[in-house]
PDB file of all heavy atoms in Angstrom:
ATOM      1  N   LEU A   1       0.807  -1.225   0.000  1.00  0.00           N
ATOM      2  CA  LEU A   1       0.000   0.000   0.000  1.00  0.00           C
ATOM      3  C   LEU A   1       0.834   1.265   0.000  1.00  0.00           C
ATOM      4  O   LEU A   1       0.396   2.298  -0.493  1.00  0.00           O
ATOM      5  CB  LEU A   1      -0.916   0.038   1.235  1.00  0.00           C
ATOM      6  CG  LEU A   1      -2.066  -0.931   1.341  1.00  0.00           C
ATOM      7  CD1 LEU A   1      -2.964  -0.529   2.492  1.00  0.00           C
ATOM      8  CD2 LEU A   1      -2.867  -1.013   0.054  1.00  0.00           C
ATOM      9  N   THR A   2       2.017   1.197   0.565  1.00  0.00           N
ATOM     10  CA  THR A   2       2.810   2.404   0.775  1.00  0.00           C
ATOM     11  C   THR A   2       4.212   2.241   0.204  1.00  0.00           C
ATOM     12  O   THR A   2       4.970   1.378   0.649  1.00  0.00           O
ATOM     13  CB  THR A   2       2.914   2.725   2.281  1.00  0.00           C
ATOM     14  OG1 THR A   2       1.595   2.752   2.832  1.00  0.00           O
ATOM     15  CG2 THR A   2       3.588   4.063   2.496  1.00  0.00           C
ATOM     16  N   GLY A   3       4.537   3.044  -0.772  1.00  0.00           N
ATOM     17  CA  GLY A   3       5.875   3.002  -1.336  1.00  0.00           C
ATOM     18  C   GLY A   3       6.866   3.769  -0.482  1.00  0.00           C
ATOM     19  O   GLY A   3       6.492   4.520   0.419  1.00  0.00           O
ATOM     20  N   ASP A   4       8.132   3.590  -0.763  1.00  0.00           N
ATOM     21  CA  ASP A   4       9.183   4.285  -0.039  1.00  0.00           C
ATOM     22  C   ASP A   4      10.367   4.438  -0.974  1.00  0.00           C
ATOM     23  O   ASP A   4      10.414   3.834  -2.058  1.00  0.00           O
ATOM     24  CB  ASP A   4       9.580   3.499   1.212  1.00  0.00           C
ATOM     25  CG  ASP A   4      10.131   4.386   2.304  1.00  0.00           C
ATOM     26  OD1 ASP A   4      10.509   5.537   1.996  1.00  0.00           O
ATOM     27  OD2 ASP A   4      10.179   3.943   3.463  1.00  0.00           O
ATOM     28  N   GLN A   5      11.325   5.237  -0.566  1.00  0.00           N
ATOM     29  CA  GLN A   5      12.509   5.455  -1.385  1.00  0.00           C
ATOM     30  C   GLN A   5      13.182   4.119  -1.700  1.00  0.00           C
ATOM     31  O   GLN A   5      13.572   3.378  -0.806  1.00  0.00           O
ATOM     32  CB  GLN A   5      13.489   6.361  -0.642  1.00  0.00           C
ATOM     33  CG  GLN A   5      14.709   6.772  -1.458  1.00  0.00           C
ATOM     34  CD  GLN A   5      14.356   7.738  -2.580  1.00  0.00           C
ATOM     35  OE1 GLN A   5      13.434   8.526  -2.428  1.00  0.00           O
ATOM     36  NE2 GLN A   5      15.068   7.669  -3.691  1.00  0.00           N
ATOM     37  N   GLY A   6      13.258   3.807  -2.987  1.00  0.00           N
ATOM     38  CA  GLY A   6      13.891   2.558  -3.404  1.00  0.00           C
ATOM     39  C   GLY A   6      12.995   1.342  -3.344  1.00  0.00           C
ATOM     40  O   GLY A   6      13.424   0.233  -3.686  1.00  0.00           O
ATOM     41  N   ASP A   7      11.744   1.510  -2.917  1.00  0.00           N
ATOM     42  CA  ASP A   7      10.791   0.398  -2.854  1.00  0.00           C
ATOM     43  C   ASP A   7       9.602   0.737  -3.736  1.00  0.00           C
ATOM     44  O   ASP A   7       8.747   1.541  -3.373  1.00  0.00           O
ATOM     45  CB  ASP A   7      10.346   0.173  -1.404  1.00  0.00           C
ATOM     46  CG  ASP A   7       9.466  -1.066  -1.251  1.00  0.00           C
ATOM     47  OD1 ASP A   7       9.118  -1.686  -2.269  1.00  0.00           O
ATOM     48  OD2 ASP A   7       9.126  -1.411  -0.097  1.00  0.00           O
ATOM     49  N   ASP A   8       9.535   0.122  -4.901  1.00  0.00           N
ATOM     50  CA  ASP A   8       8.543   0.504  -5.915  1.00  0.00           C
ATOM     51  C   ASP A   8       7.430  -0.516  -6.107  1.00  0.00           C
ATOM     52  O   ASP A   8       6.667  -0.426  -7.075  1.00  0.00           O
ATOM     53  CB  ASP A   8       9.250   0.714  -7.262  1.00  0.00           C
ATOM     54  CG  ASP A   8      10.228   1.883  -7.236  1.00  0.00           C
ATOM     55  OD1 ASP A   8       9.880   2.912  -6.630  1.00  0.00           O
ATOM     56  OD2 ASP A   8      11.331   1.760  -7.798  1.00  0.00           O
ATOM     57  N   LEU A   9       7.293  -1.473  -5.205  1.00  0.00           N
ATOM     58  CA  LEU A   9       6.268  -2.501  -5.363  1.00  0.00           C
ATOM     59  C   LEU A   9       4.875  -1.901  -5.489  1.00  0.00           C
ATOM     60  O   LEU A   9       4.044  -2.378  -6.270  1.00  0.00           O
ATOM     61  CB  LEU A   9       6.317  -3.466  -4.177  1.00  0.00           C
ATOM     62  CG  LEU A   9       5.216  -4.535  -4.133  1.00  0.00           C
ATOM     63  CD1 LEU A   9       5.302  -5.455  -5.352  1.00  0.00           C
ATOM     64  CD2 LEU A   9       5.295  -5.340  -2.835  1.00  0.00           C
ATOM     65  N   VAL A  10       4.597  -0.852  -4.708  1.00  0.00           N
ATOM     66  CA  VAL A  10       3.267  -0.261  -4.705  1.00  0.00           C
ATOM     67  C   VAL A  10       2.831   0.175  -6.103  1.00  0.00           C
ATOM     68  O   VAL A  10       1.654   0.064  -6.466  1.00  0.00           O
ATOM     69  CB  VAL A  10       3.211   0.925  -3.709  1.00  0.00           C
ATOM     70  CG1 VAL A  10       4.126   2.053  -4.135  1.00  0.00           C
ATOM     71  CG2 VAL A  10       1.791   1.421  -3.536  1.00  0.00           C
ATOM     72  N   TYR A  11       3.757   0.677  -6.919  1.00  0.00           N
ATOM     73  CA  TYR A  11       3.401   1.132  -8.273  1.00  0.00           C
ATOM     74  C   TYR A  11       3.028  -0.053  -9.168  1.00  0.00           C
ATOM     75  O   TYR A  11       2.184   0.075 -10.048  1.00  0.00           O
ATOM     76  CB  TYR A  11       4.555   1.921  -8.873  1.00  0.00           C
ATOM     77  CG  TYR A  11       4.978   3.077  -8.011  1.00  0.00           C
ATOM     78  CD1 TYR A  11       6.198   3.068  -7.340  1.00  0.00           C
ATOM     79  CD2 TYR A  11       4.142   4.177  -7.837  1.00  0.00           C
ATOM     80  CE1 TYR A  11       6.580   4.114  -6.521  1.00  0.00           C
ATOM     81  CE2 TYR A  11       4.512   5.235  -7.025  1.00  0.00           C
ATOM     82  CZ  TYR A  11       5.733   5.203  -6.365  1.00  0.00           C
ATOM     83  OH  TYR A  11       6.103   6.238  -5.550  1.00  0.00           O
ATOM     84  N   GLN A  12       3.641  -1.178  -8.920  1.00  0.00           N
ATOM     85  CA  GLN A  12       3.339  -2.374  -9.705  1.00  0.00           C
ATOM     86  C   GLN A  12       1.957  -2.928  -9.384  1.00  0.00           C
ATOM     87  O   GLN A  12       1.191  -3.276 -10.283  1.00  0.00           O
ATOM     88  CB  GLN A  12       4.390  -3.455  -9.446  1.00  0.00           C
ATOM     89  CG  GLN A  12       5.776  -3.122  -9.966  1.00  0.00           C
ATOM     90  CD  GLN A  12       6.776  -4.206  -9.616  1.00  0.00           C
ATOM     91  OE1 GLN A  12       7.494  -4.111  -8.628  1.00  0.00           O
ATOM     92  NE2 GLN A  12       6.816  -5.252 -10.416  1.00  0.00           N
ATOM     93  N   VAL A  13       1.616  -3.006  -8.088  1.00  0.00           N
ATOM     94  CA  VAL A  13       0.336  -3.625  -7.721  1.00  0.00           C
ATOM     95  C   VAL A  13      -0.847  -2.709  -8.024  1.00  0.00           C
ATOM     96  O   VAL A  13      -1.985  -3.185  -8.137  1.00  0.00           O
ATOM     97  CB  VAL A  13       0.324  -4.045  -6.237  1.00  0.00           C
ATOM     98  CG1 VAL A  13       1.420  -5.060  -5.953  1.00  0.00           C
ATOM     99  CG2 VAL A  13       0.433  -2.858  -5.299  1.00  0.00           C
ATOM    100  N   TYR A  14      -0.598  -1.410  -8.190  1.00  0.00           N
ATOM    101  CA  TYR A  14      -1.700  -0.494  -8.468  1.00  0.00           C
ATOM    102  C   TYR A  14      -2.010  -0.346  -9.963  1.00  0.00           C
ATOM    103  O   TYR A  14      -3.125   0.043 -10.335  1.00  0.00           O
ATOM    104  CB  TYR A  14      -1.427   0.892  -7.872  1.00  0.00           C
ATOM    105  CG  TYR A  14      -2.033   1.074  -6.505  1.00  0.00           C
ATOM    106  CD1 TYR A  14      -1.267   0.933  -5.356  1.00  0.00           C
ATOM    107  CD2 TYR A  14      -3.386   1.383  -6.356  1.00  0.00           C
ATOM    108  CE1 TYR A  14      -1.833   1.098  -4.088  1.00  0.00           C
ATOM    109  CE2 TYR A  14      -3.955   1.539  -5.107  1.00  0.00           C
ATOM    110  CZ  TYR A  14      -3.178   1.396  -3.967  1.00  0.00           C
ATOM    111  OH  TYR A  14      -3.746   1.549  -2.726  1.00  0.00           O
ATOM    112  N   LEU A  15      -1.067  -0.641 -10.832  1.00  0.00           N
ATOM    113  CA  LEU A  15      -1.308  -0.403 -12.258  1.00  0.00           C
ATOM    114  C   LEU A  15      -2.525  -1.159 -12.790  1.00  0.00           C
ATOM    115  O   LEU A  15      -3.326  -0.577 -13.540  1.00  0.00           O
ATOM    116  CB  LEU A  15      -0.058  -0.737 -13.075  1.00  0.00           C
ATOM    117  CG  LEU A  15      -0.153  -0.385 -14.564  1.00  0.00           C
ATOM    118  CD1 LEU A  15      -0.347   1.119 -14.753  1.00  0.00           C
ATOM    119  CD2 LEU A  15       1.104  -0.848 -15.311  1.00  0.00           C
ATOM    120  N   PRO A  16      -2.733  -2.442 -12.471  1.00  0.00           N
ATOM    121  CA  PRO A  16      -3.927  -3.127 -12.983  1.00  0.00           C
ATOM    122  C   PRO A  16      -5.243  -2.476 -12.554  1.00  0.00           C
ATOM    123  O   PRO A  16      -6.202  -2.439 -13.334  1.00  0.00           O
ATOM    124  CB  PRO A  16      -3.783  -4.545 -12.411  1.00  0.00           C
ATOM    125  CG  PRO A  16      -2.313  -4.730 -12.236  1.00  0.00           C
ATOM    126  CD  PRO A  16      -1.833  -3.382 -11.774  1.00  0.00           C
ATOM    127  N   VAL A  17      -5.311  -1.958 -11.330  1.00  0.00           N
ATOM    128  CA  VAL A  17      -6.548  -1.302 -10.907  1.00  0.00           C
ATOM    129  C   VAL A  17      -6.704   0.046 -11.592  1.00  0.00           C
ATOM    130  O   VAL A  17      -7.828   0.487 -11.870  1.00  0.00           O
ATOM    131  CB  VAL A  17      -6.610  -1.180  -9.360  1.00  0.00           C
ATOM    132  CG1 VAL A  17      -5.736  -0.086  -8.821  1.00  0.00           C
ATOM    133  CG2 VAL A  17      -8.044  -0.963  -8.891  1.00  0.00           C
ATOM    134  N   TYR A  18      -5.596   0.730 -11.914  1.00  0.00           N
ATOM    135  CA  TYR A  18      -5.692   1.946 -12.721  1.00  0.00           C
ATOM    136  C   TYR A  18      -6.366   1.636 -14.061  1.00  0.00           C
ATOM    137  O   TYR A  18      -7.208   2.405 -14.539  1.00  0.00           O
ATOM    138  CB  TYR A  18      -4.308   2.530 -12.994  1.00  0.00           C
ATOM    139  CG  TYR A  18      -3.576   3.105 -11.802  1.00  0.00           C
ATOM    140  CD1 TYR A  18      -2.239   3.480 -11.917  1.00  0.00           C
ATOM    141  CD2 TYR A  18      -4.204   3.307 -10.579  1.00  0.00           C
ATOM    142  CE1 TYR A  18      -1.536   4.024 -10.839  1.00  0.00           C
ATOM    143  CE2 TYR A  18      -3.513   3.832  -9.501  1.00  0.00           C
ATOM    144  CZ  TYR A  18      -2.178   4.186  -9.627  1.00  0.00           C
ATOM    145  OH  TYR A  18      -1.492   4.718  -8.564  1.00  0.00           O
ATOM    146  N   ALA A  19      -5.980   0.528 -14.642  1.00  0.00           N
ATOM    147  CA  ALA A  19      -6.549   0.130 -15.936  1.00  0.00           C
ATOM    148  C   ALA A  19      -8.053  -0.105 -15.816  1.00  0.00           C
ATOM    149  O   ALA A  19      -8.840   0.333 -16.670  1.00  0.00           O
ATOM    150  CB  ALA A  19      -5.845  -1.122 -16.447  1.00  0.00           C
ATOM    151  N   ALA A  20      -8.471  -0.805 -14.742  1.00  0.00           N
ATOM    152  CA  ALA A  20      -9.891  -1.093 -14.546  1.00  0.00           C
ATOM    153  C   ALA A  20     -10.698   0.188 -14.346  1.00  0.00           C
ATOM    154  O   ALA A  20     -11.779   0.360 -14.918  1.00  0.00           O
ATOM    155  CB  ALA A  20     -10.071  -2.021 -13.346  1.00  0.00           C
ATOM    156  N   VAL A  21     -10.159   1.115 -13.563  1.00  0.00           N
ATOM    157  CA  VAL A  21     -10.866   2.368 -13.272  1.00  0.00           C
ATOM    158  C   VAL A  21     -10.933   3.254 -14.518  1.00  0.00           C
ATOM    159  O   VAL A  21     -11.981   3.842 -14.826  1.00  0.00           O
ATOM    160  CB  VAL A  21     -10.181   3.110 -12.115  1.00  0.00           C
ATOM    161  CG1 VAL A  21     -10.800   4.487 -11.912  1.00  0.00           C
ATOM    162  CG2 VAL A  21     -10.272   2.290 -10.835  1.00  0.00           C
ATOM    163  N   ALA A  22      -9.827   3.349 -15.234  1.00  0.00           N
ATOM    164  CA  ALA A  22      -9.808   4.159 -16.454  1.00  0.00           C
ATOM    165  C   ALA A  22     -10.791   3.604 -17.473  1.00  0.00           C
ATOM    166  O   ALA A  22     -11.469   4.362 -18.187  1.00  0.00           O
ATOM    167  CB  ALA A  22      -8.400   4.199 -17.038  1.00  0.00           C
ATOM    168  N   HIS A  23     -10.894   2.283 -17.544  1.00  0.00           N
ATOM    169  CA  HIS A  23     -11.847   1.658 -18.464  1.00  0.00           C
ATOM    170  C   HIS A  23     -13.274   2.000 -18.055  1.00  0.00           C
ATOM    171  O   HIS A  23     -14.125   2.319 -18.911  1.00  0.00           O
ATOM    172  CB  HIS A  23     -11.637   0.145 -18.482  1.00  0.00           C
ATOM    173  CG  HIS A  23     -12.524  -0.582 -19.447  1.00  0.00           C
ATOM    174  ND1 HIS A  23     -13.819  -0.954 -19.144  1.00  0.00           N
ATOM    175  CD2 HIS A  23     -12.296  -1.004 -20.726  1.00  0.00           C
ATOM    176  CE1 HIS A  23     -14.355  -1.570 -20.179  1.00  0.00           C
ATOM    177  NE2 HIS A  23     -13.452  -1.607 -21.160  1.00  0.00           N
ATOM    178  N   PHE A  24     -13.569   1.963 -16.769  1.00  0.00           N
ATOM    179  CA  PHE A  24     -14.920   2.269 -16.288  1.00  0.00           C
ATOM    180  C   PHE A  24     -15.320   3.690 -16.676  1.00  0.00           C
ATOM    181  O   PHE A  24     -16.479   3.944 -17.039  1.00  0.00           O
ATOM    182  CB  PHE A  24     -14.998   2.102 -14.772  1.00  0.00           C
ATOM    183  CG  PHE A  24     -16.336   2.466 -14.195  1.00  0.00           C
ATOM    184  CD1 PHE A  24     -17.378   1.555 -14.166  1.00  0.00           C
ATOM    185  CD2 PHE A  24     -16.581   3.754 -13.695  1.00  0.00           C
ATOM    186  CE1 PHE A  24     -18.624   1.896 -13.649  1.00  0.00           C
ATOM    187  CE2 PHE A  24     -17.820   4.103 -13.177  1.00  0.00           C
ATOM    188  CZ  PHE A  24     -18.847   3.174 -13.149  1.00  0.00           C
ATOM    189  N   HIS A  25     -14.383   4.629 -16.600  1.00  0.00           N
ATOM    190  CA  HIS A  25     -14.694   6.031 -16.889  1.00  0.00           C
ATOM    191  C   HIS A  25     -14.512   6.393 -18.368  1.00  0.00           C
ATOM    192  O   HIS A  25     -14.515   7.570 -18.719  1.00  0.00           O
ATOM    193  CB  HIS A  25     -13.838   6.943 -16.007  1.00  0.00           C
ATOM    194  CG  HIS A  25     -14.246   6.913 -14.558  1.00  0.00           C
ATOM    195  ND1 HIS A  25     -15.416   7.482 -14.099  1.00  0.00           N
ATOM    196  CD2 HIS A  25     -13.644   6.361 -13.468  1.00  0.00           C
ATOM    197  CE1 HIS A  25     -15.516   7.295 -12.787  1.00  0.00           C
ATOM    198  NE2 HIS A  25     -14.451   6.615 -12.375  1.00  0.00           N
ATOM    199  N   GLY A  26     -14.348   5.381 -19.201  1.00  0.00           N
ATOM    200  CA  GLY A  26     -14.304   5.611 -20.639  1.00  0.00           C
ATOM    201  C   GLY A  26     -12.989   6.141 -21.165  1.00  0.00           C
ATOM    202  O   GLY A  26     -12.917   6.587 -22.323  1.00  0.00           O
ATOM    203  N   LYS A  27     -11.929   6.083 -20.381  1.00  0.00           N
ATOM    204  CA  LYS A  27     -10.616   6.557 -20.829  1.00  0.00           C
ATOM    205  C   LYS A  27      -9.876   5.499 -21.645  1.00  0.00           C
ATOM    206  O   LYS A  27      -8.947   5.838 -22.401  1.00  0.00           O
ATOM    207  CB  LYS A  27      -9.761   6.955 -19.621  1.00  0.00           C
ATOM    208  CG  LYS A  27     -10.325   8.117 -18.814  1.00  0.00           C
ATOM    209  CD  LYS A  27     -10.324   9.405 -19.625  1.00  0.00           C
ATOM    210  CE  LYS A  27     -10.832  10.578 -18.815  1.00  0.00           C
ATOM    211  NZ  LYS A  27     -10.763  11.851 -19.579  1.00  0.00           N
ATOM    212  N   LEU A  28     -10.259   4.261 -21.472  1.00  0.00           N
ATOM    213  CA  LEU A  28      -9.654   3.155 -22.222  1.00  0.00           C
ATOM    214  C   LEU A  28     -10.760   2.313 -22.829  1.00  0.00           C
ATOM    215  O   LEU A  28     -11.837   2.167 -22.253  1.00  0.00           O
ATOM    216  CB  LEU A  28      -8.778   2.293 -21.300  1.00  0.00           C
ATOM    217  CG  LEU A  28      -7.629   2.996 -20.564  1.00  0.00           C
ATOM    218  CD1 LEU A  28      -6.919   2.004 -19.656  1.00  0.00           C
ATOM    219  CD2 LEU A  28      -6.652   3.627 -21.533  1.00  0.00           C
ATOM    220  N   LYS A  29     -10.473   1.717 -23.976  1.00  0.00           N
ATOM    221  CA  LYS A  29     -11.461   0.920 -24.686  1.00  0.00           C
ATOM    222  C   LYS A  29     -11.060  -0.561 -24.664  1.00  0.00           C
ATOM    223  O   LYS A  29      -9.987  -0.931 -24.217  1.00  0.00           O
ATOM    224  CB  LYS A  29     -11.598   1.406 -26.132  1.00  0.00           C
ATOM    225  CG  LYS A  29     -11.916   2.884 -26.268  1.00  0.00           C
ATOM    226  CD  LYS A  29     -13.241   3.239 -25.609  1.00  0.00           C
ATOM    227  CE  LYS A  29     -13.570   4.726 -25.783  1.00  0.00           C
ATOM    228  NZ  LYS A  29     -14.812   5.102 -25.076  1.00  0.00           N
ATOM    229  N   GLY A  30     -11.954  -1.388 -25.184  1.00  0.00           N
ATOM    230  CA  GLY A  30     -11.675  -2.812 -25.290  1.00  0.00           C
ATOM    231  C   GLY A  30     -12.252  -3.603 -24.126  1.00  0.00           C
ATOM    232  O   GLY A  30     -13.029  -3.085 -23.311  1.00  0.00           O
ATOM    233  N   ASP A  31     -11.887  -4.873 -24.073  1.00  0.00           N
ATOM    234  CA  ASP A  31     -12.366  -5.766 -23.028  1.00  0.00           C
ATOM    235  C   ASP A  31     -11.652  -5.459 -21.714  1.00  0.00           C
ATOM    236  O   ASP A  31     -10.419  -5.494 -21.641  1.00  0.00           O
ATOM    237  CB  ASP A  31     -12.117  -7.231 -23.434  1.00  0.00           C
ATOM    238  CG  ASP A  31     -12.614  -8.198 -22.390  1.00  0.00           C
ATOM    239  OD1 ASP A  31     -13.831  -8.418 -22.304  1.00  0.00           O
ATOM    240  OD2 ASP A  31     -11.764  -8.734 -21.629  1.00  0.00           O
ATOM    241  N   ARG A  32     -12.416  -5.181 -20.680  1.00  0.00           N
ATOM    242  CA  ARG A  32     -11.808  -4.778 -19.421  1.00  0.00           C
ATOM    243  C   ARG A  32     -10.918  -5.856 -18.817  1.00  0.00           C
ATOM    244  O   ARG A  32      -9.787  -5.584 -18.402  1.00  0.00           O
ATOM    245  CB  ARG A  32     -12.885  -4.416 -18.401  1.00  0.00           C
ATOM    246  CG  ARG A  32     -12.316  -3.900 -17.082  1.00  0.00           C
ATOM    247  CD  ARG A  32     -13.308  -4.042 -15.943  1.00  0.00           C
ATOM    248  NE  ARG A  32     -13.667  -5.439 -15.709  1.00  0.00           N
ATOM    249  CZ  ARG A  32     -14.585  -5.850 -14.836  1.00  0.00           C
ATOM    250  NH1 ARG A  32     -15.242  -4.952 -14.133  1.00  0.00           N
ATOM    251  NH2 ARG A  32     -14.867  -7.123 -14.681  1.00  0.00           N
ATOM    252  N   ASP A  33     -11.422  -7.070 -18.746  1.00  0.00           N
ATOM    253  CA  ASP A  33     -10.658  -8.133 -18.096  1.00  0.00           C
ATOM    254  C   ASP A  33      -9.364  -8.432 -18.844  1.00  0.00           C
ATOM    255  O   ASP A  33      -8.321  -8.694 -18.222  1.00  0.00           O
ATOM    256  CB  ASP A  33     -11.507  -9.398 -17.976  1.00  0.00           C
ATOM    257  CG  ASP A  33     -12.676  -9.212 -17.005  1.00  0.00           C
ATOM    258  OD1 ASP A  33     -12.653  -8.241 -16.228  1.00  0.00           O
ATOM    259  OD2 ASP A  33     -13.601 -10.046 -17.018  1.00  0.00           O
ATOM    260  N   ALA A  34      -9.421  -8.374 -20.169  1.00  0.00           N
ATOM    261  CA  ALA A  34      -8.208  -8.590 -20.966  1.00  0.00           C
ATOM    262  C   ALA A  34      -7.220  -7.455 -20.731  1.00  0.00           C
ATOM    263  O   ALA A  34      -6.000  -7.676 -20.649  1.00  0.00           O
ATOM    264  CB  ALA A  34      -8.564  -8.684 -22.452  1.00  0.00           C
ATOM    265  N   LEU A  35      -7.750  -6.229 -20.599  1.00  0.00           N
ATOM    266  CA  LEU A  35      -6.899  -5.065 -20.339  1.00  0.00           C
ATOM    267  C   LEU A  35      -6.205  -5.193 -18.978  1.00  0.00           C
ATOM    268  O   LEU A  35      -5.001  -4.907 -18.850  1.00  0.00           O
ATOM    269  CB  LEU A  35      -7.754  -3.796 -20.378  1.00  0.00           C
ATOM    270  CG  LEU A  35      -7.031  -2.463 -20.177  1.00  0.00           C
ATOM    271  CD1 LEU A  35      -6.103  -2.189 -21.347  1.00  0.00           C
ATOM    272  CD2 LEU A  35      -8.060  -1.332 -20.026  1.00  0.00           C
ATOM    273  N   ILE A  36      -6.949  -5.627 -17.967  1.00  0.00           N
ATOM    274  CA  ILE A  36      -6.370  -5.811 -16.627  1.00  0.00           C
ATOM    275  C   ILE A  36      -5.253  -6.841 -16.667  1.00  0.00           C
ATOM    276  O   ILE A  36      -4.184  -6.644 -16.065  1.00  0.00           O
ATOM    277  CB  ILE A  36      -7.464  -6.239 -15.628  1.00  0.00           C
ATOM    278  CG1 ILE A  36      -8.450  -5.095 -15.382  1.00  0.00           C
ATOM    279  CG2 ILE A  36      -6.843  -6.676 -14.302  1.00  0.00           C
ATOM    280  CD1 ILE A  36      -9.658  -5.486 -14.543  1.00  0.00           C
ATOM    281  N   GLU A  37      -5.474  -7.928 -17.383  1.00  0.00           N
ATOM    282  CA  GLU A  37      -4.462  -8.979 -17.455  1.00  0.00           C
ATOM    283  C   GLU A  37      -3.208  -8.499 -18.189  1.00  0.00           C
ATOM    284  O   GLU A  37      -2.077  -8.807 -17.768  1.00  0.00           O
ATOM    285  CB  GLU A  37      -5.040 -10.216 -18.153  1.00  0.00           C
ATOM    286  CG  GLU A  37      -4.119 -11.423 -18.165  1.00  0.00           C
ATOM    287  CD  GLU A  37      -3.675 -11.855 -16.780  1.00  0.00           C
ATOM    288  OE1 GLU A  37      -4.465 -11.720 -15.820  1.00  0.00           O
ATOM    289  OE2 GLU A  37      -2.518 -12.320 -16.644  1.00  0.00           O
ATOM    290  N   GLU A  38      -3.401  -7.726 -19.250  1.00  0.00           N
ATOM    291  CA  GLU A  38      -2.247  -7.166 -19.962  1.00  0.00           C
ATOM    292  C   GLU A  38      -1.467  -6.201 -19.068  1.00  0.00           C
ATOM    293  O   GLU A  38      -0.230  -6.203 -19.052  1.00  0.00           O
ATOM    294  CB  GLU A  38      -2.713  -6.431 -21.221  1.00  0.00           C
ATOM    295  CG  GLU A  38      -3.202  -7.343 -22.338  1.00  0.00           C
ATOM    296  CD  GLU A  38      -3.687  -6.547 -23.535  1.00  0.00           C
ATOM    297  OE1 GLU A  38      -3.138  -5.440 -23.773  1.00  0.00           O
ATOM    298  OE2 GLU A  38      -4.615  -7.004 -24.226  1.00  0.00           O
ATOM    299  N   ALA A  39      -2.203  -5.375 -18.328  1.00  0.00           N
ATOM    300  CA  ALA A  39      -1.556  -4.437 -17.414  1.00  0.00           C
ATOM    301  C   ALA A  39      -0.777  -5.187 -16.334  1.00  0.00           C
ATOM    302  O   ALA A  39       0.327  -4.785 -15.950  1.00  0.00           O
ATOM    303  CB  ALA A  39      -2.602  -3.521 -16.779  1.00  0.00           C
ATOM    304  N   ARG A  40      -1.330  -6.286 -15.847  1.00  0.00           N
ATOM    305  CA  ARG A  40      -0.660  -7.083 -14.825  1.00  0.00           C
ATOM    306  C   ARG A  40       0.638  -7.680 -15.355  1.00  0.00           C
ATOM    307  O   ARG A  40       1.681  -7.645 -14.676  1.00  0.00           O
ATOM    308  CB  ARG A  40      -1.610  -8.178 -14.325  1.00  0.00           C
ATOM    309  CG  ARG A  40      -1.038  -9.036 -13.215  1.00  0.00           C
ATOM    310  CD  ARG A  40      -2.067 -10.022 -12.696  1.00  0.00           C
ATOM    311  NE  ARG A  40      -3.187  -9.354 -12.044  1.00  0.00           N
ATOM    312  CZ  ARG A  40      -4.465  -9.446 -12.444  1.00  0.00           C
ATOM    313  NH1 ARG A  40      -4.784 -10.179 -13.507  1.00  0.00           N
ATOM    314  NH2 ARG A  40      -5.409  -8.799 -11.797  1.00  0.00           N
ATOM    315  N   LYS A  41       0.593  -8.217 -16.547  1.00  0.00           N
ATOM    316  CA  LYS A  41       1.801  -8.811 -17.137  1.00  0.00           C
ATOM    317  C   LYS A  41       2.883  -7.751 -17.353  1.00  0.00           C
ATOM    318  O   LYS A  41       4.061  -7.980 -17.092  1.00  0.00           O
ATOM    319  CB  LYS A  41       1.449  -9.489 -18.460  1.00  0.00           C
ATOM    320  CG  LYS A  41       0.637 -10.770 -18.298  1.00  0.00           C
ATOM    321  CD  LYS A  41       0.307 -11.384 -19.651  1.00  0.00           C
ATOM    322  CE  LYS A  41      -0.483 -12.678 -19.483  1.00  0.00           C
ATOM    323  NZ  LYS A  41      -0.859 -13.281 -20.798  1.00  0.00           N
ATOM    324  N   PHE A  42       2.459  -6.586 -17.826  1.00  0.00           N
ATOM    325  CA  PHE A  42       3.418  -5.500 -18.040  1.00  0.00           C
ATOM    326  C   PHE A  42       3.985  -5.017 -16.709  1.00  0.00           C
ATOM    327  O   PHE A  42       5.193  -4.751 -16.568  1.00  0.00           O
ATOM    328  CB  PHE A  42       2.732  -4.350 -18.779  1.00  0.00           C
ATOM    329  CG  PHE A  42       3.581  -3.109 -18.902  1.00  0.00           C
ATOM    330  CD1 PHE A  42       4.702  -3.090 -19.718  1.00  0.00           C
ATOM    331  CD2 PHE A  42       3.257  -1.960 -18.185  1.00  0.00           C
ATOM    332  CE1 PHE A  42       5.489  -1.943 -19.832  1.00  0.00           C
ATOM    333  CE2 PHE A  42       4.032  -0.809 -18.291  1.00  0.00           C
ATOM    334  CZ  PHE A  42       5.155  -0.811 -19.110  1.00  0.00           C
ATOM    335  N   SER A  43       3.110  -4.913 -15.713  1.00  0.00           N
ATOM    336  CA  SER A  43       3.514  -4.394 -14.418  1.00  0.00           C
ATOM    337  C   SER A  43       4.569  -5.267 -13.751  1.00  0.00           C
ATOM    338  O   SER A  43       5.536  -4.762 -13.174  1.00  0.00           O
ATOM    339  CB  SER A  43       2.288  -4.267 -13.502  1.00  0.00           C
ATOM    340  OG  SER A  43       2.600  -3.555 -12.337  1.00  0.00           O
ATOM    341  N   PHE A  44       4.390  -6.579 -13.835  1.00  0.00           N
ATOM    342  CA  PHE A  44       5.343  -7.490 -13.199  1.00  0.00           C
ATOM    343  C   PHE A  44       6.389  -8.004 -14.197  1.00  0.00           C
ATOM    344  O   PHE A  44       7.149  -8.917 -13.877  1.00  0.00           O
ATOM    345  CB  PHE A  44       4.601  -8.650 -12.544  1.00  0.00           C
ATOM    346  CG  PHE A  44       3.820  -8.218 -11.329  1.00  0.00           C
ATOM    347  CD1 PHE A  44       2.467  -7.907 -11.431  1.00  0.00           C
ATOM    348  CD2 PHE A  44       4.443  -8.076 -10.106  1.00  0.00           C
ATOM    349  CE1 PHE A  44       1.751  -7.485 -10.323  1.00  0.00           C
ATOM    350  CE2 PHE A  44       3.737  -7.655  -8.993  1.00  0.00           C
ATOM    351  CZ  PHE A  44       2.379  -7.357  -9.099  1.00  0.00           C
ATOM    352  N   GLY A  45       6.411  -7.380 -15.390  1.00  0.00           N
ATOM    353  CA  GLY A  45       7.413  -7.708 -16.398  1.00  0.00           C
ATOM    354  C   GLY A  45       8.280  -6.498 -16.702  1.00  0.00           C
ATOM    355  O   GLY A  45       9.111  -6.091 -15.877  1.00  0.00           O
TER     356      GLY A  45
END
């Protein structure tokens, strides 16, 4: 939940939910679940 200097895990775990929220508000298109999975792979890759 909380990042710190040199600890960036929080940014990785939040990216998939950013994708889901942006999709809900019409900022991103396509299949939501597929978008979340792509964001997850990118985040941890």
